[in-house]
């Protein structure tokens, strides 16, 4: 479960695999995630990190309140990728 190396894609895969393992061990599913906070130390890696995360979960972009008519942040229900 340790995260090693300097490759942001490999680190993201390891984080998501660890998260998936813990969630499933507790009887949940990755689709049950409501919010995931990501801290990226180098913005140049953002696209690769999000693309990698997207192979585990469906990422939803926040939209300004009111655009979807629901009055919320416009977040949809999470779904499994693939």
C-alpha atoms as a PDB file:
ATOM      1  CA  UNK A   1       0.000   0.000   0.000  1.00  0.00           C
ATOM      2  CA  UNK A   2       3.035   2.287   0.063  1.00  0.00           C
ATOM      3  CA  UNK A   3       3.337   5.006  -2.542  1.00  0.00           C
ATOM      4  CA  UNK A   4       6.827   5.365  -3.955  1.00  0.00           C
ATOM      5  CA  UNK A   5       8.524   6.953  -6.936  1.00  0.00           C
ATOM      6  CA  UNK A   6       8.106  10.294  -8.640  1.00  0.00           C
ATOM      7  CA  UNK A   7       5.749   9.316 -11.474  1.00  0.00           C
ATOM      8  CA  UNK A   8       2.413  11.105 -10.870  1.00  0.00           C
ATOM      9  CA  UNK A   9       0.467   8.555 -12.949  1.00  0.00           C
ATOM     10  CA  UNK A  10       1.936   5.604 -11.043  1.00  0.00           C
ATOM     11  CA  UNK A  11       1.279   7.392  -7.743  1.00  0.00           C
ATOM     12  CA  UNK A  12      -2.321   8.097  -8.755  1.00  0.00           C
ATOM     13  CA  UNK A  13      -2.883   4.474  -9.758  1.00  0.00           C
ATOM     14  CA  UNK A  14      -1.551   3.350  -6.371  1.00  0.00           C
ATOM     15  CA  UNK A  15      -3.732   5.829  -4.466  1.00  0.00           C
ATOM     16  CA  UNK A  16      -6.837   4.773  -6.399  1.00  0.00           C
ATOM     17  CA  UNK A  17      -6.034   1.063  -5.974  1.00  0.00           C
ATOM     18  CA  UNK A  18      -5.565   1.601  -2.227  1.00  0.00           C
ATOM     19  CA  UNK A  19      -8.817   3.564  -2.045  1.00  0.00           C
ATOM     20  CA  UNK A  20     -10.698   0.890  -4.008  1.00  0.00           C
ATOM     21  CA  UNK A  21      -9.319  -1.835  -1.744  1.00  0.00           C
ATOM     22  CA  UNK A  22     -10.353  -0.006   1.439  1.00  0.00           C
ATOM     23  CA  UNK A  23     -13.804   0.922   0.135  1.00  0.00           C
ATOM     24  CA  UNK A  24     -14.540  -2.627  -1.024  1.00  0.00           C
ATOM     25  CA  UNK A  25     -13.148  -4.101   2.195  1.00  0.00           C
ATOM     26  CA  UNK A  26     -15.722  -2.005   4.051  1.00  0.00           C
ATOM     27  CA  UNK A  27     -18.514  -3.302   1.770  1.00  0.00           C
ATOM     28  CA  UNK A  28     -18.770  -0.242  -0.453  1.00  0.00           C
ATOM     29  CA  UNK A  29     -18.183   0.507  -4.101  1.00  0.00           C
ATOM     30  CA  UNK A  30     -16.138   3.159  -5.846  1.00  0.00           C
ATOM     31  CA  UNK A  31     -19.399   4.530  -7.238  1.00  0.00           C
ATOM     32  CA  UNK A  32     -20.345   5.504  -3.671  1.00  0.00           C
ATOM     33  CA  UNK A  33     -17.751   8.307  -3.581  1.00  0.00           C
ATOM     34  CA  UNK A  34     -19.356  11.698  -3.293  1.00  0.00           C
ATOM     35  CA  UNK A  35     -16.259  13.847  -3.058  1.00  0.00           C
ATOM     36  CA  UNK A  36     -12.557  13.298  -3.560  1.00  0.00           C
ATOM     37  CA  UNK A  37     -10.115  16.081  -2.759  1.00  0.00           C
ATOM     38  CA  UNK A  38      -6.924  16.094  -4.820  1.00  0.00           C
ATOM     39  CA  UNK A  39      -3.785  18.022  -3.930  1.00  0.00           C
ATOM     40  CA  UNK A  40      -1.320  18.333  -6.807  1.00  0.00           C
ATOM     41  CA  UNK A  41       2.072  19.876  -6.111  1.00  0.00           C
ATOM     42  CA  UNK A  42       2.828  20.523  -9.786  1.00  0.00           C
ATOM     43  CA  UNK A  43      -0.071  21.767 -11.903  1.00  0.00           C
ATOM     44  CA  UNK A  44       1.607  20.353 -15.021  1.00  0.00           C
ATOM     45  CA  UNK A  45       0.587  16.877 -13.821  1.00  0.00           C
ATOM     46  CA  UNK A  46      -3.096  17.738 -13.340  1.00  0.00           C
ATOM     47  CA  UNK A  47      -4.353  16.337 -16.654  1.00  0.00           C
ATOM     48  CA  UNK A  48      -2.486  13.037 -16.242  1.00  0.00           C
ATOM     49  CA  UNK A  49      -3.661  12.659 -12.640  1.00  0.00           C
ATOM     50  CA  UNK A  50      -7.307  13.344 -13.498  1.00  0.00           C
ATOM     51  CA  UNK A  51      -7.150  11.051 -16.537  1.00  0.00           C
ATOM     52  CA  UNK A  52      -5.798   8.274 -14.321  1.00  0.00           C
ATOM     53  CA  UNK A  53      -8.453   8.878 -11.666  1.00  0.00           C
ATOM     54  CA  UNK A  54     -11.058   8.749 -14.429  1.00  0.00           C
ATOM     55  CA  UNK A  55     -10.123   5.140 -15.123  1.00  0.00           C
ATOM     56  CA  UNK A  56     -11.428   4.292 -11.631  1.00  0.00           C
ATOM     57  CA  UNK A  57     -14.371   6.684 -11.274  1.00  0.00           C
ATOM     58  CA  UNK A  58     -16.364   9.087 -13.403  1.00  0.00           C
ATOM     59  CA  UNK A  59     -15.235  12.621 -12.615  1.00  0.00           C
ATOM     60  CA  UNK A  60     -17.844  15.363 -12.660  1.00  0.00           C
ATOM     61  CA  UNK A  61     -16.955  18.982 -13.269  1.00  0.00           C
ATOM     62  CA  UNK A  62     -18.474  21.591 -10.978  1.00  0.00           C
ATOM     63  CA  UNK A  63     -20.743  24.039 -12.753  1.00  0.00           C
ATOM     64  CA  UNK A  64     -21.745  27.427 -11.386  1.00  0.00           C
ATOM     65  CA  UNK A  65     -24.914  27.283  -9.296  1.00  0.00           C
ATOM     66  CA  UNK A  66     -28.115  27.586 -11.269  1.00  0.00           C
ATOM     67  CA  UNK A  67     -26.831  26.462 -14.673  1.00  0.00           C
ATOM     68  CA  UNK A  68     -28.520  23.090 -14.384  1.00  0.00           C
ATOM     69  CA  UNK A  69     -31.591  24.610 -12.769  1.00  0.00           C
ATOM     70  CA  UNK A  70     -31.171  22.589  -9.587  1.00  0.00           C
ATOM     71  CA  UNK A  71     -29.602  25.406  -7.606  1.00  0.00           C
ATOM     72  CA  UNK A  72     -26.715  23.216  -6.480  1.00  0.00           C
ATOM     73  CA  UNK A  73     -23.145  22.888  -7.676  1.00  0.00           C
ATOM     74  CA  UNK A  74     -24.303  20.750 -10.592  1.00  0.00           C
ATOM     75  CA  UNK A  75     -22.663  17.551  -9.424  1.00  0.00           C
ATOM     76  CA  UNK A  76     -24.190  14.382 -10.762  1.00  0.00           C
ATOM     77  CA  UNK A  77     -24.257  10.985  -9.124  1.00  0.00           C
ATOM     78  CA  UNK A  78     -20.903   9.224  -9.308  1.00  0.00           C
ATOM     79  CA  UNK A  79     -20.688   6.256 -11.664  1.00  0.00           C
ATOM     80  CA  UNK A  80     -18.081   3.581 -12.203  1.00  0.00           C
ATOM     81  CA  UNK A  81     -15.782   4.112 -15.148  1.00  0.00           C
ATOM     82  CA  UNK A  82     -15.601   1.588 -17.931  1.00  0.00           C
END
